[in-house]
Amino acid sequence: YLTAELIIWYFRALAAGDSESVAPEAALLRQAARKAP
């Protein structure tokens, strides 16, 4: 569910005061795929 993974990544970045970084989409896909049932 890439949309959710990206939103959570940007949510964490904003909480840390980072409004400029771009989410590492490929890394998020790999990480989420490892967690998927």
PDB file of all heavy atoms in Angstrom:
ATOM      1  N   TYR A   1       0.887  -1.173   0.000  1.00  0.00           N
ATOM      2  CA  TYR A   1       0.000   0.000   0.000  1.00  0.00           C
ATOM      3  C   TYR A   1       0.922   1.219   0.000  1.00  0.00           C
ATOM      4  O   TYR A   1       1.137   1.871   1.009  1.00  0.00           O
ATOM      5  CB  TYR A   1      -0.904  -0.052   1.215  1.00  0.00           C
ATOM      6  CG  TYR A   1      -2.022   0.975   1.278  1.00  0.00           C
ATOM      7  CD1 TYR A   1      -2.267   1.887   0.261  1.00  0.00           C
ATOM      8  CD2 TYR A   1      -2.845   1.024   2.389  1.00  0.00           C
ATOM      9  CE1 TYR A   1      -3.289   2.810   0.343  1.00  0.00           C
ATOM     10  CE2 TYR A   1      -3.873   1.938   2.497  1.00  0.00           C
ATOM     11  CZ  TYR A   1      -4.090   2.836   1.465  1.00  0.00           C
ATOM     12  OH  TYR A   1      -5.117   3.763   1.553  1.00  0.00           O
ATOM     13  N   LEU A   2       1.463   1.540  -1.167  1.00  0.00           N
ATOM     14  CA  LEU A   2       2.489   2.579  -1.289  1.00  0.00           C
ATOM     15  C   LEU A   2       1.999   3.941  -0.832  1.00  0.00           C
ATOM     16  O   LEU A   2       2.743   4.683  -0.190  1.00  0.00           O
ATOM     17  CB  LEU A   2       3.017   2.648  -2.721  1.00  0.00           C
ATOM     18  CG  LEU A   2       4.135   3.661  -2.959  1.00  0.00           C
ATOM     19  CD1 LEU A   2       5.347   3.357  -2.078  1.00  0.00           C
ATOM     20  CD2 LEU A   2       4.527   3.706  -4.416  1.00  0.00           C
ATOM     21  N   THR A   3       0.763   4.269  -1.133  1.00  0.00           N
ATOM     22  CA  THR A   3       0.232   5.570  -0.712  1.00  0.00           C
ATOM     23  C   THR A   3       0.377   5.736   0.803  1.00  0.00           C
ATOM     24  O   THR A   3       0.841   6.772   1.275  1.00  0.00           O
ATOM     25  CB  THR A   3      -1.241   5.707  -1.132  1.00  0.00           C
ATOM     26  OG1 THR A   3      -1.318   5.633  -2.560  1.00  0.00           O
ATOM     27  CG2 THR A   3      -1.841   7.015  -0.648  1.00  0.00           C
ATOM     28  N   ALA A   4       0.002   4.725   1.558  1.00  0.00           N
ATOM     29  CA  ALA A   4       0.103   4.792   3.020  1.00  0.00           C
ATOM     30  C   ALA A   4       1.556   4.899   3.460  1.00  0.00           C
ATOM     31  O   ALA A   4       1.877   5.690   4.359  1.00  0.00           O
ATOM     32  CB  ALA A   4      -0.545   3.570   3.649  1.00  0.00           C
ATOM     33  N   GLU A   5       2.436   4.121   2.843  1.00  0.00           N
ATOM     34  CA  GLU A   5       3.851   4.160   3.224  1.00  0.00           C
ATOM     35  C   GLU A   5       4.450   5.532   2.971  1.00  0.00           C
ATOM     36  O   GLU A   5       5.218   6.049   3.788  1.00  0.00           O
ATOM     37  CB  GLU A   5       4.640   3.080   2.478  1.00  0.00           C
ATOM     38  CG  GLU A   5       4.199   1.661   2.791  1.00  0.00           C
ATOM     39  CD  GLU A   5       4.261   1.314   4.265  1.00  0.00           C
ATOM     40  OE1 GLU A   5       5.199   1.748   4.956  1.00  0.00           O
ATOM     41  OE2 GLU A   5       3.368   0.586   4.733  1.00  0.00           O
ATOM     42  N   LEU A   6       4.102   6.156   1.849  1.00  0.00           N
ATOM     43  CA  LEU A   6       4.616   7.494   1.544  1.00  0.00           C
ATOM     44  C   LEU A   6       4.072   8.528   2.522  1.00  0.00           C
ATOM     45  O   LEU A   6       4.814   9.385   3.014  1.00  0.00           O
ATOM     46  CB  LEU A   6       4.254   7.890   0.114  1.00  0.00           C
ATOM     47  CG  LEU A   6       4.995   7.180  -0.996  1.00  0.00           C
ATOM     48  CD1 LEU A   6       4.373   7.514  -2.351  1.00  0.00           C
ATOM     49  CD2 LEU A   6       6.473   7.532  -0.981  1.00  0.00           C
ATOM     50  N   ILE A   7       2.784   8.453   2.814  1.00  0.00           N
ATOM     51  CA  ILE A   7       2.190   9.422   3.746  1.00  0.00           C
ATOM     52  C   ILE A   7       2.840   9.310   5.117  1.00  0.00           C
ATOM     53  O   ILE A   7       3.192  10.333   5.729  1.00  0.00           O
ATOM     54  CB  ILE A   7       0.656   9.228   3.824  1.00  0.00           C
ATOM     55  CG1 ILE A   7       0.016   9.632   2.497  1.00  0.00           C
ATOM     56  CG2 ILE A   7       0.065  10.033   4.989  1.00  0.00           C
ATOM     57  CD1 ILE A   7      -1.446   9.239   2.365  1.00  0.00           C
ATOM     58  N   ILE A   8       3.025   8.093   5.605  1.00  0.00           N
ATOM     59  CA  ILE A   8       3.664   7.908   6.910  1.00  0.00           C
ATOM     60  C   ILE A   8       5.090   8.432   6.871  1.00  0.00           C
ATOM     61  O   ILE A   8       5.547   9.087   7.826  1.00  0.00           O
ATOM     62  CB  ILE A   8       3.641   6.416   7.329  1.00  0.00           C
ATOM     63  CG1 ILE A   8       2.207   5.950   7.589  1.00  0.00           C
ATOM     64  CG2 ILE A   8       4.545   6.155   8.530  1.00  0.00           C
ATOM     65  CD1 ILE A   8       1.538   6.580   8.795  1.00  0.00           C
ATOM     66  N   TRP A   9       5.813   8.180   5.789  1.00  0.00           N
ATOM     67  CA  TRP A   9       7.192   8.669   5.690  1.00  0.00           C
ATOM     68  C   TRP A   9       7.211  10.202   5.757  1.00  0.00           C
ATOM     69  O   TRP A   9       7.989  10.791   6.515  1.00  0.00           O
ATOM     70  CB  TRP A   9       7.848   8.200   4.386  1.00  0.00           C
ATOM     71  CG  TRP A   9       9.326   8.431   4.379  1.00  0.00           C
ATOM     72  CD1 TRP A   9      10.290   7.558   4.756  1.00  0.00           C
ATOM     73  CD2 TRP A   9      10.001   9.643   4.004  1.00  0.00           C
ATOM     74  NE1 TRP A   9      11.533   8.148   4.633  1.00  0.00           N
ATOM     75  CE2 TRP A   9      11.382   9.422   4.170  1.00  0.00           C
ATOM     76  CE3 TRP A   9       9.590  10.878   3.537  1.00  0.00           C
ATOM     77  CZ2 TRP A   9      12.342  10.392   3.890  1.00  0.00           C
ATOM     78  CZ3 TRP A   9      10.539  11.855   3.263  1.00  0.00           C
ATOM     79  CH2 TRP A   9      11.896  11.610   3.439  1.00  0.00           C
ATOM     80  N   TYR A  10       6.341  10.856   4.972  1.00  0.00           N
ATOM     81  CA  TYR A  10       6.298  12.323   4.994  1.00  0.00           C
ATOM     82  C   TYR A  10       5.790  12.845   6.331  1.00  0.00           C
ATOM     83  O   TYR A  10       6.246  13.890   6.804  1.00  0.00           O
ATOM     84  CB  TYR A  10       5.459  12.862   3.830  1.00  0.00           C
ATOM     85  CG  TYR A  10       6.193  12.805   2.516  1.00  0.00           C
ATOM     86  CD1 TYR A  10       5.760  11.995   1.483  1.00  0.00           C
ATOM     87  CD2 TYR A  10       7.347  13.553   2.311  1.00  0.00           C
ATOM     88  CE1 TYR A  10       6.449  11.930   0.287  1.00  0.00           C
ATOM     89  CE2 TYR A  10       8.037  13.495   1.119  1.00  0.00           C
ATOM     90  CZ  TYR A  10       7.586  12.686   0.107  1.00  0.00           C
ATOM     91  OH  TYR A  10       8.271  12.624  -1.075  1.00  0.00           O
ATOM     92  N   PHE A  11       4.877  12.128   6.958  1.00  0.00           N
ATOM     93  CA  PHE A  11       4.396  12.517   8.279  1.00  0.00           C
ATOM     94  C   PHE A  11       5.559  12.552   9.274  1.00  0.00           C
ATOM     95  O   PHE A  11       5.722  13.511  10.029  1.00  0.00           O
ATOM     96  CB  PHE A  11       3.313  11.539   8.753  1.00  0.00           C
ATOM     97  CG  PHE A  11       2.795  11.853  10.118  1.00  0.00           C
ATOM     98  CD1 PHE A  11       1.806  12.793  10.299  1.00  0.00           C
ATOM     99  CD2 PHE A  11       3.321  11.218  11.240  1.00  0.00           C
ATOM    100  CE1 PHE A  11       1.337  13.102  11.570  1.00  0.00           C
ATOM    101  CE2 PHE A  11       2.857  11.530  12.512  1.00  0.00           C
ATOM    102  CZ  PHE A  11       1.865  12.469  12.670  1.00  0.00           C
ATOM    103  N   ARG A  12       6.380  11.513   9.268  1.00  0.00           N
ATOM    104  CA  ARG A  12       7.538  11.462  10.164  1.00  0.00           C
ATOM    105  C   ARG A  12       8.538  12.570   9.835  1.00  0.00           C
ATOM    106  O   ARG A  12       9.112  13.183  10.748  1.00  0.00           O
ATOM    107  CB  ARG A  12       8.234  10.105  10.053  1.00  0.00           C
ATOM    108  CG  ARG A  12       7.434   8.969  10.632  1.00  0.00           C
ATOM    109  CD  ARG A  12       8.083   7.645  10.340  1.00  0.00           C
ATOM    110  NE  ARG A  12       7.313   6.531  10.875  1.00  0.00           N
ATOM    111  CZ  ARG A  12       7.473   5.269  10.506  1.00  0.00           C
ATOM    112  NH1 ARG A  12       8.394   4.941   9.608  1.00  0.00           N
ATOM    113  NH2 ARG A  12       6.722   4.330  11.040  1.00  0.00           N
ATOM    114  N   ALA A  13       8.752  12.811   8.559  1.00  0.00           N
ATOM    115  CA  ALA A  13       9.691  13.865   8.161  1.00  0.00           C
ATOM    116  C   ALA A  13       9.196  15.223   8.650  1.00  0.00           C
ATOM    117  O   ALA A  13       9.978  16.006   9.207  1.00  0.00           O
ATOM    118  CB  ALA A  13       9.874  13.868   6.645  1.00  0.00           C
ATOM    119  N   LEU A  14       7.920  15.502   8.459  1.00  0.00           N
ATOM    120  CA  LEU A  14       7.371  16.777   8.920  1.00  0.00           C
ATOM    121  C   LEU A  14       7.465  16.902  10.434  1.00  0.00           C
ATOM    122  O   LEU A  14       7.772  17.982  10.954  1.00  0.00           O
ATOM    123  CB  LEU A  14       5.918  16.923   8.464  1.00  0.00           C
ATOM    124  CG  LEU A  14       5.720  17.201   6.974  1.00  0.00           C
ATOM    125  CD1 LEU A  14       4.243  17.075   6.609  1.00  0.00           C
ATOM    126  CD2 LEU A  14       6.245  18.578   6.612  1.00  0.00           C
ATOM    127  N   ALA A  15       7.203  15.814  11.140  1.00  0.00           N
ATOM    128  CA  ALA A  15       7.296  15.834  12.609  1.00  0.00           C
ATOM    129  C   ALA A  15       8.714  16.149  13.061  1.00  0.00           C
ATOM    130  O   ALA A  15       8.918  16.754  14.119  1.00  0.00           O
ATOM    131  CB  ALA A  15       6.841  14.502  13.179  1.00  0.00           C
ATOM    132  N   ALA A  16       9.696  15.767  12.260  1.00  0.00           N
ATOM    133  CA  ALA A  16      11.105  16.024  12.577  1.00  0.00           C
ATOM    134  C   ALA A  16      11.565  17.392  12.056  1.00  0.00           C
ATOM    135  O   ALA A  16      12.735  17.739  12.183  1.00  0.00           O
ATOM    136  CB  ALA A  16      11.984  14.924  11.984  1.00  0.00           C
ATOM    137  N   GLY A  17      10.640  18.144  11.450  1.00  0.00           N
ATOM    138  CA  GLY A  17      10.980  19.469  10.958  1.00  0.00           C
ATOM    139  C   GLY A  17      11.543  19.481   9.545  1.00  0.00           C
ATOM    140  O   GLY A  17      12.064  20.485   9.092  1.00  0.00           O
ATOM    141  N   ASP A  18      11.438  18.380   8.845  1.00  0.00           N
ATOM    142  CA  ASP A  18      11.978  18.267   7.490  1.00  0.00           C
ATOM    143  C   ASP A  18      10.838  18.352   6.479  1.00  0.00           C
ATOM    144  O   ASP A  18      10.048  17.423   6.351  1.00  0.00           O
ATOM    145  CB  ASP A  18      12.715  16.936   7.333  1.00  0.00           C
ATOM    146  CG  ASP A  18      13.301  16.731   5.955  1.00  0.00           C
ATOM    147  OD1 ASP A  18      13.155  17.621   5.090  1.00  0.00           O
ATOM    148  OD2 ASP A  18      13.912  15.668   5.738  1.00  0.00           O
ATOM    149  N   SER A  19      10.772  19.465   5.777  1.00  0.00           N
ATOM    150  CA  SER A  19       9.726  19.622   4.767  1.00  0.00           C
ATOM    151  C   SER A  19      10.294  19.579   3.353  1.00  0.00           C
ATOM    152  O   SER A  19       9.567  19.815   2.390  1.00  0.00           O
ATOM    153  CB  SER A  19       8.983  20.944   4.982  1.00  0.00           C
ATOM    154  OG  SER A  19       9.879  22.023   4.830  1.00  0.00           O
ATOM    155  N   GLU A  20      11.560  19.256   3.231  1.00  0.00           N
ATOM    156  CA  GLU A  20      12.213  19.298   1.926  1.00  0.00           C
ATOM    157  C   GLU A  20      12.582  17.932   1.359  1.00  0.00           C
ATOM    158  O   GLU A  20      12.640  17.767   0.144  1.00  0.00           O
ATOM    159  CB  GLU A  20      13.486  20.153   2.012  1.00  0.00           C
ATOM    160  CG  GLU A  20      13.241  21.588   2.454  1.00  0.00           C
ATOM    161  CD  GLU A  20      12.389  22.369   1.462  1.00  0.00           C
ATOM    162  OE1 GLU A  20      12.564  22.185   0.246  1.00  0.00           O
ATOM    163  OE2 GLU A  20      11.545  23.157   1.909  1.00  0.00           O
ATOM    164  N   SER A  21      12.862  16.969   2.198  1.00  0.00           N
ATOM    165  CA  SER A  21      13.333  15.668   1.718  1.00  0.00           C
ATOM    166  C   SER A  21      12.260  14.954   0.897  1.00  0.00           C
ATOM    167  O   SER A  21      11.071  15.200   1.066  1.00  0.00           O
ATOM    168  CB  SER A  21      13.730  14.765   2.891  1.00  0.00           C
ATOM    169  OG  SER A  21      14.858  15.287   3.529  1.00  0.00           O
ATOM    170  N   VAL A  22      12.725  14.070   0.027  1.00  0.00           N
ATOM    171  CA  VAL A  22      11.823  13.271  -0.802  1.00  0.00           C
ATOM    172  C   VAL A  22      11.925  11.826  -0.339  1.00  0.00           C
ATOM    173  O   VAL A  22      13.018  11.289  -0.169  1.00  0.00           O
ATOM    174  CB  VAL A  22      12.190  13.389  -2.293  1.00  0.00           C
ATOM    175  CG1 VAL A  22      11.314  12.491  -3.144  1.00  0.00           C
ATOM    176  CG2 VAL A  22      12.083  14.842  -2.747  1.00  0.00           C
ATOM    177  N   ALA A  23      10.777  11.209  -0.140  1.00  0.00           N
ATOM    178  CA  ALA A  23      10.732   9.828   0.352  1.00  0.00           C
ATOM    179  C   ALA A  23      11.459   8.894  -0.611  1.00  0.00           C
ATOM    180  O   ALA A  23      11.293   9.002  -1.824  1.00  0.00           O
ATOM    181  CB  ALA A  23       9.285   9.382   0.508  1.00  0.00           C
ATOM    182  N   PRO A  24      12.234   7.967  -0.076  1.00  0.00           N
ATOM    183  CA  PRO A  24      12.933   6.982  -0.901  1.00  0.00           C
ATOM    184  C   PRO A  24      11.975   5.857  -1.300  1.00  0.00           C
ATOM    185  O   PRO A  24      11.901   4.819  -0.650  1.00  0.00           O
ATOM    186  CB  PRO A  24      14.043   6.492   0.025  1.00  0.00           C
ATOM    187  CG  PRO A  24      13.454   6.624   1.395  1.00  0.00           C
ATOM    188  CD  PRO A  24      12.562   7.842   1.340  1.00  0.00           C
ATOM    189  N   GLU A  25      11.249   6.086  -2.381  1.00  0.00           N
ATOM    190  CA  GLU A  25      10.169   5.183  -2.781  1.00  0.00           C
ATOM    191  C   GLU A  25      10.628   3.730  -2.921  1.00  0.00           C
ATOM    192  O   GLU A  25       9.968   2.815  -2.431  1.00  0.00           O
ATOM    193  CB  GLU A  25       9.574   5.681  -4.094  1.00  0.00           C
ATOM    194  CG  GLU A  25       8.273   5.048  -4.459  1.00  0.00           C
ATOM    195  CD  GLU A  25       7.626   5.742  -5.634  1.00  0.00           C
ATOM    196  OE1 GLU A  25       7.138   6.880  -5.458  1.00  0.00           O
ATOM    197  OE2 GLU A  25       7.616   5.139  -6.722  1.00  0.00           O
ATOM    198  N   ALA A  26      11.748   3.490  -3.581  1.00  0.00           N
ATOM    199  CA  ALA A  26      12.219   2.109  -3.794  1.00  0.00           C
ATOM    200  C   ALA A  26      12.509   1.427  -2.458  1.00  0.00           C
ATOM    201  O   ALA A  26      12.157   0.259  -2.259  1.00  0.00           O
ATOM    202  CB  ALA A  26      13.453   2.099  -4.681  1.00  0.00           C
ATOM    203  N   ALA A  27      13.118   2.145  -1.537  1.00  0.00           N
ATOM    204  CA  ALA A  27      13.428   1.571  -0.230  1.00  0.00           C
ATOM    205  C   ALA A  27      12.146   1.284   0.552  1.00  0.00           C
ATOM    206  O   ALA A  27      12.041   0.261   1.231  1.00  0.00           O
ATOM    207  CB  ALA A  27      14.336   2.512   0.563  1.00  0.00           C
ATOM    208  N   LEU A  28      11.174   2.169   0.455  1.00  0.00           N
ATOM    209  CA  LEU A  28       9.897   1.937   1.137  1.00  0.00           C
ATOM    210  C   LEU A  28       9.205   0.701   0.583  1.00  0.00           C
ATOM    211  O   LEU A  28       8.625  -0.090   1.338  1.00  0.00           O
ATOM    212  CB  LEU A  28       8.979   3.151   0.986  1.00  0.00           C
ATOM    213  CG  LEU A  28       9.362   4.388   1.784  1.00  0.00           C
ATOM    214  CD1 LEU A  28       8.464   5.552   1.409  1.00  0.00           C
ATOM    215  CD2 LEU A  28       9.289   4.113   3.267  1.00  0.00           C
ATOM    216  N   LEU A  29       9.253   0.526  -0.725  1.00  0.00           N
ATOM    217  CA  LEU A  29       8.641  -0.657  -1.339  1.00  0.00           C
ATOM    218  C   LEU A  29       9.312  -1.931  -0.850  1.00  0.00           C
ATOM    219  O   LEU A  29       8.636  -2.903  -0.495  1.00  0.00           O
ATOM    220  CB  LEU A  29       8.724  -0.568  -2.862  1.00  0.00           C
ATOM    221  CG  LEU A  29       7.731   0.379  -3.517  1.00  0.00           C
ATOM    222  CD1 LEU A  29       8.096   0.603  -4.983  1.00  0.00           C
ATOM    223  CD2 LEU A  29       6.320  -0.144  -3.386  1.00  0.00           C
ATOM    224  N   ARG A  30      10.651  -1.934  -0.813  1.00  0.00           N
ATOM    225  CA  ARG A  30      11.369  -3.123  -0.337  1.00  0.00           C
ATOM    226  C   ARG A  30      11.051  -3.405   1.120  1.00  0.00           C
ATOM    227  O   ARG A  30      10.765  -4.546   1.493  1.00  0.00           O
ATOM    228  CB  ARG A  30      12.877  -2.942  -0.521  1.00  0.00           C
ATOM    229  CG  ARG A  30      13.362  -3.094  -1.940  1.00  0.00           C
ATOM    230  CD  ARG A  30      14.875  -3.165  -2.018  1.00  0.00           C
ATOM    231  NE  ARG A  30      15.551  -2.048  -1.389  1.00  0.00           N
ATOM    232  CZ  ARG A  30      15.812  -0.884  -1.988  1.00  0.00           C
ATOM    233  NH1 ARG A  30      15.464  -0.687  -3.228  1.00  0.00           N
ATOM    234  NH2 ARG A  30      16.444   0.071  -1.343  1.00  0.00           N
ATOM    235  N   GLN A  31      11.089  -2.382   1.936  1.00  0.00           N
ATOM    236  CA  GLN A  31      10.848  -2.546   3.373  1.00  0.00           C
ATOM    237  C   GLN A  31       9.421  -3.024   3.635  1.00  0.00           C
ATOM    238  O   GLN A  31       9.206  -3.948   4.419  1.00  0.00           O
ATOM    239  CB  GLN A  31      11.083  -1.209   4.078  1.00  0.00           C
ATOM    240  CG  GLN A  31      10.900  -1.243   5.569  1.00  0.00           C
ATOM    241  CD  GLN A  31      11.139   0.125   6.181  1.00  0.00           C
ATOM    242  OE1 GLN A  31      10.875   1.145   5.561  1.00  0.00           O
ATOM    243  NE2 GLN A  31      11.652   0.138   7.393  1.00  0.00           N
ATOM    244  N   ALA A  32       8.439  -2.424   2.979  1.00  0.00           N
ATOM    245  CA  ALA A  32       7.046  -2.820   3.196  1.00  0.00           C
ATOM    246  C   ALA A  32       6.785  -4.222   2.650  1.00  0.00           C
ATOM    247  O   ALA A  32       6.016  -4.980   3.250  1.00  0.00           O
ATOM    248  CB  ALA A  32       6.116  -1.815   2.530  1.00  0.00           C
ATOM    249  N   ALA A  33       7.425  -4.586   1.570  1.00  0.00           N
ATOM    250  CA  ALA A  33       7.231  -5.920   1.001  1.00  0.00           C
ATOM    251  C   ALA A  33       7.752  -6.986   1.957  1.00  0.00           C
ATOM    252  O   ALA A  33       7.170  -8.068   2.063  1.00  0.00           O
ATOM    253  CB  ALA A  33       7.935  -6.030  -0.349  1.00  0.00           C
ATOM    254  N   ARG A  34       8.825  -6.685   2.675  1.00  0.00           N
ATOM    255  CA  ARG A  34       9.365  -7.651   3.655  1.00  0.00           C
ATOM    256  C   ARG A  34       8.404  -7.835   4.816  1.00  0.00           C
ATOM    257  O   ARG A  34       8.333  -8.910   5.410  1.00  0.00           O
ATOM    258  CB  ARG A  34      10.727  -7.194   4.169  1.00  0.00           C
ATOM    259  CG  ARG A  34      11.859  -7.417   3.194  1.00  0.00           C
ATOM    260  CD  ARG A  34      13.208  -7.242   3.864  1.00  0.00           C
ATOM    261  NE  ARG A  34      13.405  -5.932   4.456  1.00  0.00           N
ATOM    262  CZ  ARG A  34      13.979  -4.896   3.835  1.00  0.00           C
ATOM    263  NH1 ARG A  34      14.413  -5.028   2.605  1.00  0.00           N
ATOM    264  NH2 ARG A  34      14.140  -3.755   4.456  1.00  0.00           N
ATOM    265  N   LYS A  35       7.662  -6.784   5.186  1.00  0.00           N
ATOM    266  CA  LYS A  35       6.730  -6.847   6.309  1.00  0.00           C
ATOM    267  C   LYS A  35       5.384  -7.465   5.932  1.00  0.00           C
ATOM    268  O   LYS A  35       4.656  -7.912   6.792  1.00  0.00           O
ATOM    269  CB  LYS A  35       6.472  -5.454   6.875  1.00  0.00           C
ATOM    270  CG  LYS A  35       7.624  -4.864   7.637  1.00  0.00           C
ATOM    271  CD  LYS A  35       7.177  -3.644   8.381  1.00  0.00           C
ATOM    272  CE  LYS A  35       7.503  -2.396   7.620  1.00  0.00           C
ATOM    273  NZ  LYS A  35       7.085  -1.174   8.278  1.00  0.00           N
ATOM    274  N   ALA A  36       5.060  -7.439   4.628  1.00  0.00           N
ATOM    275  CA  ALA A  36       3.735  -7.911   4.179  1.00  0.00           C
ATOM    276  C   ALA A  36       3.567  -9.405   4.486  1.00  0.00           C
ATOM    277  O   ALA A  36       4.515 -10.169   4.406  1.00  0.00           O
ATOM    278  CB  ALA A  36       3.567  -7.647   2.693  1.00  0.00           C
ATOM    279  N   PRO A  37       2.308  -9.783   4.831  1.00  0.00           N
ATOM    280  CA  PRO A  37       2.039 -11.195   5.149  1.00  0.00           C
ATOM    281  C   PRO A  37       2.175 -12.089   3.936  1.00  0.00           C
ATOM    282  O   PRO A  37       2.074 -11.766   2.844  1.00  0.00           O
ATOM    283  CB  PRO A  37       0.597 -11.171   5.648  1.00  0.00           C
ATOM    284  CG  PRO A  37       0.020  -9.877   5.247  1.00  0.00           C
ATOM    285  CD  PRO A  37       1.153  -8.948   4.952  1.00  0.00           C
TER     286      PRO A  37
END
